[in-house]
Amino acid sequence: MEIYVTASREQQLLFRQIVDDAARRASAMLALPHEAARLRAVSHQGLTPIDQLELSPLAEDQLLAAALRLYPGAARPRAMVAALRRHFTTPPGWLAVEAQRRAAWGDVAGRGLPIERAAQCAADIERRLKGVRANVSVKLRAYADLYADLWCDPRIAAPASVRREMLALVSALQARCAAMADEERAP
């Protein structure tokens, strides 16, 4: 069973890792009986903790929010992993993808893309990858490819403003990859 994304094997492996990690985290968060209610309780800001995750441009946060929405209460980690993988196995419908694209692009003329925030987020992702001794250039490319698919994916509940940031993150990650390639070629 492959998780549906459109690009490289590296992207497929990265997405599977993020899906599995999100499902395990969600399972741990929901293990205590009162946590399910707390995660769905509206704060004084008018948002639940799940809503707050959906305001993050990070794929890890978006998939954690999706996992928390899939299960209303406690579940074994394996069951949660299977459910989240199933959720992302079927490709999204083209009409739903197009609706997300149009919603995100709808205000680009007025607000533009949040390039600076995306560049900071890309630098944070790169820093995190350097800390785990990964092949940073390959992983950054996989993240760029993942965000190219994820920003308009209707299977996550990100609002249009966050989707614009995720779209900007594609370019920011690709720029980091290009800069790393230039550094490697320089004498």
Protein backbone atom coordinates (compact mmCIF):
# COMPACT_ATOMS: atom_id res chain seq x y z
CA MET A 1 0.00 0.00 0.00
CA GLU A 2 1.64 3.21 -1.17
CA ILE A 3 0.81 6.58 0.28
CA TYR A 4 -0.25 8.80 -2.59
CA VAL A 5 2.21 11.55 -3.44
CA THR A 6 3.43 12.35 -6.94
CA ALA A 7 7.22 12.53 -6.86
CA SER A 8 10.37 10.66 -5.97
CA ARG A 9 11.01 7.64 -3.80
CA GLU A 10 12.70 9.96 -1.28
CA GLN A 11 9.49 11.98 -1.04
CA GLN A 12 7.49 8.77 -0.58
CA LEU A 13 9.80 7.63 2.26
CA LEU A 14 9.74 11.06 3.91
CA PHE A 15 5.95 11.26 3.74
CA ARG A 16 5.56 7.76 5.16
CA GLN A 17 7.92 8.64 8.02
CA ILE A 18 6.00 11.84 8.80
CA VAL A 19 2.65 10.01 8.60
CA ASP A 20 3.83 7.24 10.91
CA ASP A 21 5.40 9.68 13.40
CA ALA A 22 2.24 11.82 13.42
CA ALA A 23 0.06 8.78 14.04
CA ARG A 24 2.26 7.59 16.91
CA ARG A 25 2.30 11.07 18.46
CA ALA A 26 -1.49 11.30 18.14
CA SER A 27 -1.90 7.91 19.76
CA ALA A 28 0.32 8.96 22.68
CA MET A 29 -1.56 12.26 23.04
CA LEU A 30 -4.93 10.50 23.13
CA ALA A 31 -3.83 7.75 25.53
CA LEU A 32 -5.15 9.60 28.58
CA PRO A 33 -8.97 9.80 28.70
CA HIS A 34 -9.13 13.55 29.35
CA GLU A 35 -6.77 14.45 26.47
CA ALA A 36 -9.33 13.87 23.71
CA ALA A 37 -11.64 16.40 25.34
CA ARG A 38 -8.80 18.88 25.98
CA LEU A 39 -7.66 18.70 22.34
CA ARG A 40 -11.18 19.57 21.19
CA ALA A 41 -11.87 22.28 23.79
CA VAL A 42 -11.99 25.82 22.45
CA SER A 43 -9.52 28.15 24.16
CA HIS A 44 -10.05 31.82 24.99
CA GLN A 45 -8.54 32.54 21.55
CA GLY A 46 -11.40 30.65 19.90
CA LEU A 47 -9.22 27.76 18.71
CA THR A 48 -8.74 24.18 19.79
CA PRO A 49 -5.21 22.75 20.05
CA ILE A 50 -5.96 20.84 16.83
CA ASP A 51 -6.94 24.12 15.13
CA GLN A 52 -3.63 25.61 16.27
CA LEU A 53 -1.72 22.74 14.67
CA GLU A 54 -3.57 23.45 11.42
CA LEU A 55 -2.25 27.02 11.51
CA SER A 56 1.31 25.72 11.19
CA PRO A 57 2.89 25.35 7.74
CA LEU A 58 4.90 22.33 8.90
CA ALA A 59 3.90 19.00 7.36
CA GLU A 60 4.48 17.31 10.72
CA ASP A 61 1.89 19.55 12.40
CA GLN A 62 -0.62 19.23 9.57
CA LEU A 63 -0.45 15.43 9.65
CA LEU A 64 -0.65 15.33 13.44
CA ALA A 65 -3.82 17.43 13.24
CA ALA A 66 -5.22 15.07 10.58
CA ALA A 67 -4.47 12.07 12.80
CA LEU A 68 -6.12 13.71 15.82
CA ARG A 69 -9.23 14.46 13.76
CA LEU A 70 -9.42 10.89 12.43
CA TYR A 71 -9.73 9.35 15.90
CA PRO A 72 -12.03 10.80 18.55
CA GLY A 73 -10.27 9.01 21.40
CA ALA A 74 -7.58 6.57 22.45
CA ALA A 75 -6.23 4.13 19.89
CA ARG A 76 -3.28 1.78 19.70
CA PRO A 77 -0.36 3.25 17.73
CA ARG A 78 -0.61 0.56 15.03
CA ALA A 79 -4.30 1.27 14.50
CA MET A 80 -3.64 5.00 14.27
CA VAL A 81 -0.77 4.47 11.79
CA ALA A 82 -3.01 2.25 9.64
CA ALA A 83 -5.86 4.78 9.70
CA LEU A 84 -3.66 7.72 8.76
CA ARG A 85 -1.94 5.74 5.99
CA ARG A 86 -5.38 4.73 4.65
CA HIS A 87 -6.46 8.39 4.75
CA PHE A 88 -3.53 9.35 2.50
CA THR A 89 -3.57 6.28 0.23
CA THR A 90 -6.39 7.39 -2.04
CA PRO A 91 -5.46 10.33 -4.27
CA PRO A 92 -7.49 13.45 -3.67
CA GLY A 93 -10.06 14.36 -6.31
CA TRP A 94 -8.86 16.90 -8.86
CA LEU A 95 -11.82 19.18 -8.19
CA ALA A 96 -11.05 19.30 -4.45
CA VAL A 97 -7.37 20.01 -5.19
CA GLU A 98 -8.33 22.78 -7.61
CA ALA A 99 -10.66 24.31 -5.01
CA GLN A 100 -7.78 24.44 -2.50
CA ARG A 101 -5.47 25.99 -5.11
CA ARG A 102 -8.01 28.66 -5.97
CA ALA A 103 -8.70 29.43 -2.31
CA ALA A 104 -4.98 29.83 -1.62
CA TRP A 105 -4.34 31.87 -4.77
CA GLY A 106 -7.43 34.00 -4.24
CA ASP A 107 -5.68 36.59 -2.11
CA VAL A 108 -2.14 36.38 -3.49
CA ALA A 109 -2.58 39.59 -5.46
CA GLY A 110 -3.48 41.46 -2.28
CA ARG A 111 -1.21 39.77 0.25
CA GLY A 112 1.45 38.03 -1.82
CA LEU A 113 3.27 34.96 -0.64
CA PRO A 114 4.92 35.01 2.79
CA ILE A 115 8.42 34.48 1.39
CA GLU A 116 10.33 35.64 4.49
CA ARG A 117 8.41 33.35 6.86
CA ALA A 118 8.86 30.47 4.42
CA ALA A 119 12.61 31.14 4.19
CA GLN A 120 12.86 31.04 7.98
CA CYS A 121 10.88 27.81 8.08
CA ALA A 122 13.14 26.29 5.39
CA ALA A 123 16.22 27.28 7.42
CA ASP A 124 14.66 25.64 10.49
CA ILE A 125 14.00 22.42 8.54
CA GLU A 126 17.58 22.45 7.24
CA ARG A 127 18.95 22.98 10.77
CA ARG A 128 16.84 20.10 12.08
CA LEU A 129 18.10 17.81 9.28
CA LYS A 130 21.73 18.70 9.99
CA GLY A 131 21.14 17.64 13.60
CA VAL A 132 20.22 14.09 12.57
CA ARG A 133 23.12 13.61 10.14
CA ALA A 134 20.89 13.11 7.14
CA ASN A 135 21.93 13.73 3.56
CA VAL A 136 20.62 17.27 3.89
CA SER A 137 20.47 18.12 0.20
CA VAL A 138 18.48 14.98 -0.67
CA LYS A 139 16.15 15.43 2.31
CA LEU A 140 15.55 19.11 1.52
CA ARG A 141 14.64 18.17 -2.07
CA ALA A 142 12.23 15.53 -0.69
CA TYR A 143 10.67 18.17 1.60
CA ALA A 144 10.32 20.58 -1.35
CA ASP A 145 8.63 17.87 -3.40
CA LEU A 146 6.37 16.97 -0.47
CA TYR A 147 5.26 20.57 0.05
CA ALA A 148 4.62 20.88 -3.71
CA ASP A 149 1.97 18.18 -3.25
CA LEU A 150 0.78 19.00 0.26
CA TRP A 151 0.03 22.74 -0.03
CA CYS A 152 -3.14 22.11 -2.07
CA ASP A 153 -4.06 18.70 -0.63
CA PRO A 154 -7.68 18.71 0.58
CA ARG A 155 -6.94 15.85 2.99
CA ILE A 156 -5.39 18.37 5.40
CA ALA A 157 -7.43 21.16 6.97
CA ALA A 158 -4.99 24.06 6.59
CA PRO A 159 -6.62 27.43 5.91
CA ALA A 160 -5.74 29.34 2.73
CA SER A 161 -3.20 31.59 4.47
CA VAL A 162 -1.24 28.56 5.70
CA ARG A 163 -1.46 26.92 2.28
CA ARG A 164 0.11 30.06 0.77
CA GLU A 165 2.97 29.75 3.26
CA MET A 166 3.37 26.07 2.38
CA LEU A 167 3.50 27.03 -1.32
CA ALA A 168 6.16 29.65 -0.59
CA LEU A 169 8.04 26.98 1.34
CA VAL A 170 8.42 24.96 -1.88
CA SER A 171 10.45 27.80 -3.42
CA ALA A 172 12.38 28.46 -0.21
CA LEU A 173 13.40 24.79 0.09
CA GLN A 174 14.36 24.64 -3.59
CA ALA A 175 16.48 27.78 -3.10
CA ARG A 176 18.24 26.12 -0.13
CA CYS A 177 18.91 23.05 -2.31
CA ALA A 178 20.37 25.23 -5.06
CA ALA A 179 22.55 27.11 -2.56
CA MET A 180 23.85 23.82 -1.15
CA ALA A 181 24.64 22.56 -4.67
CA ASP A 182 26.54 25.80 -5.40
CA GLU A 183 28.52 25.39 -2.17
CA GLU A 184 29.42 21.82 -3.07
CA ARG A 185 30.64 22.89 -6.55
CA ALA A 186 32.67 25.83 -5.29
CA PRO A 187 36.43 25.13 -5.07
